Amino acid sequence: MSLQSRIDTLKSRHASLDDRIRDEDHRPLPDSGVLASLKLQKLRLKEEMERLQHH
């Protein structure tokens, strides 16, 4: 997998996590544990994208 396609895959997963976070946050009783986990995953993806873009 090329570097750019890896970055594109990470961007797609990052956007998907955004959707999942928004969906969970708009539930009548959002699960704070789920939100924390999703946000942590999103942060890790962002850090990996930044690392790859500056590689």
PDB file of N, CA and C in Angstrom:
ATOM      1  N   MET A   1       0.856  -1.177   0.000  1.00  0.00           N
ATOM      2  CA  MET A   1       0.000   0.000   0.000  1.00  0.00           C
ATOM      3  C   MET A   1       0.898   1.235   0.000  1.00  0.00           C
ATOM      4  N   SER A   2       0.604   2.164  -0.898  1.00  0.00           N
ATOM      5  CA  SER A   2       1.402   3.379  -0.964  1.00  0.00           C
ATOM      6  C   SER A   2       1.115   4.272   0.245  1.00  0.00           C
ATOM      7  N   LEU A   3       2.016   5.186   0.468  1.00  0.00           N
ATOM      8  CA  LEU A   3       1.873   6.106   1.593  1.00  0.00           C
ATOM      9  C   LEU A   3       0.579   6.913   1.471  1.00  0.00           C
ATOM     10  N   GLN A   4       0.300   7.412   0.262  1.00  0.00           N
ATOM     11  CA  GLN A   4      -0.906   8.227   0.076  1.00  0.00           C
ATOM     12  C   GLN A   4      -2.171   7.411   0.285  1.00  0.00           C
ATOM     13  N   SER A   5      -2.186   6.173  -0.176  1.00  0.00           N
ATOM     14  CA  SER A   5      -3.396   5.372   0.027  1.00  0.00           C
ATOM     15  C   SER A   5      -3.562   5.017   1.497  1.00  0.00           C
ATOM     16  N   ARG A   6      -2.462   4.868   2.230  1.00  0.00           N
ATOM     17  CA  ARG A   6      -2.550   4.636   3.678  1.00  0.00           C
ATOM     18  C   ARG A   6      -3.156   5.863   4.359  1.00  0.00           C
ATOM     19  N   ILE A   7      -2.699   7.040   3.985  1.00  0.00           N
ATOM     20  CA  ILE A   7      -3.231   8.284   4.551  1.00  0.00           C
ATOM     21  C   ILE A   7      -4.717   8.423   4.210  1.00  0.00           C
ATOM     22  N   ASP A   8      -5.078   8.111   2.970  1.00  0.00           N
ATOM     23  CA  ASP A   8      -6.485   8.191   2.555  1.00  0.00           C
ATOM     24  C   ASP A   8      -7.358   7.236   3.366  1.00  0.00           C
ATOM     25  N   THR A   9      -6.847   6.036   3.618  1.00  0.00           N
ATOM     26  CA  THR A   9      -7.576   5.062   4.430  1.00  0.00           C
ATOM     27  C   THR A   9      -7.771   5.588   5.845  1.00  0.00           C
ATOM     28  N   LEU A  10      -6.727   6.181   6.407  1.00  0.00           N
ATOM     29  CA  LEU A  10      -6.824   6.736   7.758  1.00  0.00           C
ATOM     30  C   LEU A  10      -7.826   7.891   7.799  1.00  0.00           C
ATOM     31  N   LYS A  11      -7.830   8.730   6.764  1.00  0.00           N
ATOM     32  CA  LYS A  11      -8.790   9.840   6.702  1.00  0.00           C
ATOM     33  C   LYS A  11     -10.218   9.318   6.673  1.00  0.00           C
ATOM     34  N   SER A  12     -10.429   8.257   5.926  1.00  0.00           N
ATOM     35  CA  SER A  12     -11.761   7.659   5.844  1.00  0.00           C
ATOM     36  C   SER A  12     -12.193   7.104   7.199  1.00  0.00           C
ATOM     37  N   ARG A  13     -11.286   6.412   7.874  1.00  0.00           N
ATOM     38  CA  ARG A  13     -11.599   5.876   9.199  1.00  0.00           C
ATOM     39  C   ARG A  13     -11.845   7.008  10.190  1.00  0.00           C
ATOM     40  N   HIS A  14     -11.086   8.101  10.064  1.00  0.00           N
ATOM     41  CA  HIS A  14     -11.239   9.268  10.931  1.00  0.00           C
ATOM     42  C   HIS A  14     -12.632   9.873  10.748  1.00  0.00           C
ATOM     43  N   ALA A  15     -13.068   9.999   9.494  1.00  0.00           N
ATOM     44  CA  ALA A  15     -14.404  10.541   9.209  1.00  0.00           C
ATOM     45  C   ALA A  15     -15.493   9.615   9.744  1.00  0.00           C
ATOM     46  N   SER A  16     -15.271   8.321   9.626  1.00  0.00           N
ATOM     47  CA  SER A  16     -16.236   7.350  10.144  1.00  0.00           C
ATOM     48  C   SER A  16     -16.361   7.472  11.663  1.00  0.00           C
ATOM     49  N   LEU A  17     -15.236   7.662  12.331  1.00  0.00           N
ATOM     50  CA  LEU A  17     -15.273   7.847  13.785  1.00  0.00           C
ATOM     51  C   LEU A  17     -16.010   9.130  14.145  1.00  0.00           C
ATOM     52  N   ASP A  18     -15.829  10.187  13.339  1.00  0.00           N
ATOM     53  CA  ASP A  18     -16.583  11.433  13.556  1.00  0.00           C
ATOM     54  C   ASP A  18     -18.081  11.155  13.554  1.00  0.00           C
ATOM     55  N   ASP A  19     -18.517  10.380  12.571  1.00  0.00           N
ATOM     56  CA  ASP A  19     -19.941  10.036  12.468  1.00  0.00           C
ATOM     57  C   ASP A  19     -20.400   9.235  13.682  1.00  0.00           C
ATOM     58  N   ARG A  20     -19.593   8.270  14.091  1.00  0.00           N
ATOM     59  CA  ARG A  20     -19.967   7.437  15.235  1.00  0.00           C
ATOM     60  C   ARG A  20     -20.017   8.256  16.526  1.00  0.00           C
ATOM     61  N   ILE A  21     -19.085   9.206  16.675  1.00  0.00           N
ATOM     62  CA  ILE A  21     -19.074  10.079  17.854  1.00  0.00           C
ATOM     63  C   ILE A  21     -20.326  10.958  17.853  1.00  0.00           C
ATOM     64  N   ARG A  22     -20.646  11.538  16.706  1.00  0.00           N
ATOM     65  CA  ARG A  22     -21.833  12.393  16.594  1.00  0.00           C
ATOM     66  C   ARG A  22     -23.101  11.591  16.904  1.00  0.00           C
ATOM     67  N   ASP A  23     -23.184  10.368  16.348  1.00  0.00           N
ATOM     68  CA  ASP A  23     -24.355   9.524  16.603  1.00  0.00           C
ATOM     69  C   ASP A  23     -24.490   9.200  18.086  1.00  0.00           C
ATOM     70  N   GLU A  24     -23.387   8.820  18.712  1.00  0.00           N
ATOM     71  CA  GLU A  24     -23.428   8.467  20.135  1.00  0.00           C
ATOM     72  C   GLU A  24     -23.786   9.692  20.973  1.00  0.00           C
ATOM     73  N   ASP A  25     -23.232  10.838  20.619  1.00  0.00           N
ATOM     74  CA  ASP A  25     -23.462  12.069  21.375  1.00  0.00           C
ATOM     75  C   ASP A  25     -24.919  12.528  21.291  1.00  0.00           C
ATOM     76  N   HIS A  26     -25.605  12.169  20.211  1.00  0.00           N
ATOM     77  CA  HIS A  26     -26.994  12.588  20.032  1.00  0.00           C
ATOM     78  C   HIS A  26     -28.005  11.572  20.547  1.00  0.00           C
ATOM     79  N   ARG A  27     -27.537  10.479  21.104  1.00  0.00           N
ATOM     80  CA  ARG A  27     -28.452   9.509  21.709  1.00  0.00           C
ATOM     81  C   ARG A  27     -29.058  10.124  22.972  1.00  0.00           C
ATOM     82  N   PRO A  28     -30.230   9.667  23.378  1.00  0.00           N
ATOM     83  CA  PRO A  28     -30.841  10.205  24.603  1.00  0.00           C
ATOM     84  C   PRO A  28     -29.940  10.051  25.835  1.00  0.00           C
ATOM     85  N   LEU A  29     -29.248   8.937  25.936  1.00  0.00           N
ATOM     86  CA  LEU A  29     -28.315   8.708  27.045  1.00  0.00           C
ATOM     87  C   LEU A  29     -26.971   8.255  26.487  1.00  0.00           C
ATOM     88  N   PRO A  30     -26.137   9.212  26.039  1.00  0.00           N
ATOM     89  CA  PRO A  30     -24.846   8.833  25.466  1.00  0.00           C
ATOM     90  C   PRO A  30     -23.985   8.092  26.492  1.00  0.00           C
ATOM     91  N   ASP A  31     -23.267   7.096  26.024  1.00  0.00           N
ATOM     92  CA  ASP A  31     -22.377   6.313  26.878  1.00  0.00           C
ATOM     93  C   ASP A  31     -21.016   7.005  26.904  1.00  0.00           C
ATOM     94  N   SER A  32     -20.646   7.563  28.044  1.00  0.00           N
ATOM     95  CA  SER A  32     -19.395   8.317  28.131  1.00  0.00           C
ATOM     96  C   SER A  32     -18.181   7.424  27.889  1.00  0.00           C
ATOM     97  N   GLY A  33     -18.269   6.166  28.251  1.00  0.00           N
ATOM     98  CA  GLY A  33     -17.165   5.239  27.999  1.00  0.00           C
ATOM     99  C   GLY A  33     -16.961   5.000  26.513  1.00  0.00           C
ATOM    100  N   VAL A  34     -18.056   4.836  25.796  1.00  0.00           N
ATOM    101  CA  VAL A  34     -17.986   4.648  24.343  1.00  0.00           C
ATOM    102  C   VAL A  34     -17.439   5.915  23.691  1.00  0.00           C
ATOM    103  N   LEU A  35     -17.937   7.071  24.117  1.00  0.00           N
ATOM    104  CA  LEU A  35     -17.453   8.335  23.555  1.00  0.00           C
ATOM    105  C   LEU A  35     -15.956   8.505  23.789  1.00  0.00           C
ATOM    106  N   ALA A  36     -15.496   8.208  24.989  1.00  0.00           N
ATOM    107  CA  ALA A  36     -14.073   8.344  25.302  1.00  0.00           C
ATOM    108  C   ALA A  36     -13.242   7.418  24.421  1.00  0.00           C
ATOM    109  N   SER A  37     -13.703   6.200  24.244  1.00  0.00           N
ATOM    110  CA  SER A  37     -12.983   5.240  23.410  1.00  0.00           C
ATOM    111  C   SER A  37     -12.925   5.698  21.953  1.00  0.00           C
ATOM    112  N   LEU A  38     -14.047   6.158  21.431  1.00  0.00           N
ATOM    113  CA  LEU A  38     -14.087   6.629  20.046  1.00  0.00           C
ATOM    114  C   LEU A  38     -13.185   7.845  19.853  1.00  0.00           C
ATOM    115  N   LYS A  39     -13.212   8.760  20.807  1.00  0.00           N
ATOM    116  CA  LYS A  39     -12.378   9.958  20.704  1.00  0.00           C
ATOM    117  C   LYS A  39     -10.898   9.608  20.775  1.00  0.00           C
ATOM    118  N   LEU A  40     -10.545   8.638  21.592  1.00  0.00           N
ATOM    119  CA  LEU A  40      -9.153   8.202  21.682  1.00  0.00           C
ATOM    120  C   LEU A  40      -8.710   7.563  20.363  1.00  0.00           C
ATOM    121  N   GLN A  41      -9.563   6.740  19.785  1.00  0.00           N
ATOM    122  CA  GLN A  41      -9.247   6.130  18.484  1.00  0.00           C
ATOM    123  C   GLN A  41      -9.051   7.212  17.425  1.00  0.00           C
ATOM    124  N   LYS A  42      -9.914   8.217  17.451  1.00  0.00           N
ATOM    125  CA  LYS A  42      -9.834   9.313  16.484  1.00  0.00           C
ATOM    126  C   LYS A  42      -8.522  10.083  16.657  1.00  0.00           C
ATOM    127  N   LEU A  43      -8.138  10.334  17.897  1.00  0.00           N
ATOM    128  CA  LEU A  43      -6.888  11.037  18.166  1.00  0.00           C
ATOM    129  C   LEU A  43      -5.692  10.236  17.662  1.00  0.00           C
ATOM    130  N   ARG A  44      -5.696   8.936  17.896  1.00  0.00           N
ATOM    131  CA  ARG A  44      -4.587   8.091  17.435  1.00  0.00           C
ATOM    132  C   ARG A  44      -4.487   8.093  15.913  1.00  0.00           C
ATOM    133  N   LEU A  45      -5.635   8.065  15.242  1.00  0.00           N
ATOM    134  CA  LEU A  45      -5.621   8.130  13.778  1.00  0.00           C
ATOM    135  C   LEU A  45      -5.054   9.465  13.310  1.00  0.00           C
ATOM    136  N   LYS A  46      -5.464  10.539  13.958  1.00  0.00           N
ATOM    137  CA  LYS A  46      -4.971  11.870  13.587  1.00  0.00           C
ATOM    138  C   LYS A  46      -3.459  11.951  13.764  1.00  0.00           C
ATOM    139  N   GLU A  47      -2.965  11.427  14.878  1.00  0.00           N
ATOM    140  CA  GLU A  47      -1.526  11.443  15.127  1.00  0.00           C
ATOM    141  C   GLU A  47      -0.777  10.628  14.079  1.00  0.00           C
ATOM    142  N   GLU A  48      -1.324   9.474  13.703  1.00  0.00           N
ATOM    143  CA  GLU A  48      -0.673   8.651  12.688  1.00  0.00           C
ATOM    144  C   GLU A  48      -0.684   9.344  11.331  1.00  0.00           C
ATOM    145  N   MET A  49      -1.797   9.999  10.986  1.00  0.00           N
ATOM    146  CA  MET A  49      -1.858  10.735   9.717  1.00  0.00           C
ATOM    147  C   MET A  49      -0.809  11.842   9.692  1.00  0.00           C
ATOM    148  N   GLU A  50      -0.690  12.582  10.788  1.00  0.00           N
ATOM    149  CA  GLU A  50       0.292  13.665  10.852  1.00  0.00           C
ATOM    150  C   GLU A  50       1.707  13.119  10.732  1.00  0.00           C
ATOM    151  N   ARG A  51       1.963  11.997  11.388  1.00  0.00           N
ATOM    152  CA  ARG A  51       3.294  11.388  11.331  1.00  0.00           C
ATOM    153  C   ARG A  51       3.620  10.977   9.892  1.00  0.00           C
ATOM    154  N   LEU A  52       2.657  10.376   9.210  1.00  0.00           N
ATOM    155  CA  LEU A  52       2.881   9.929   7.836  1.00  0.00           C
ATOM    156  C   LEU A  52       3.018  11.103   6.871  1.00  0.00           C
ATOM    157  N   GLN A  53       2.268  12.174   7.096  1.00  0.00           N
ATOM    158  CA  GLN A  53       2.331  13.326   6.202  1.00  0.00           C
ATOM    159  C   GLN A  53       3.654  14.067   6.330  1.00  0.00           C
ATOM    160  N   HIS A  54       4.298  13.968   7.476  1.00  0.00           N
ATOM    161  CA  HIS A  54       5.576  14.657   7.691  1.00  0.00           C
ATOM    162  C   HIS A  54       6.755  13.708   7.537  1.00  0.00           C
ATOM    163  N   HIS A  55       6.485  12.533   7.020  1.00  0.00           N
ATOM    164  CA  HIS A  55       7.503  11.498   6.863  1.00  0.00           C
ATOM    165  C   HIS A  55       8.376  11.778   5.671  1.00  0.00           C
TER     166      HIS A  55
END
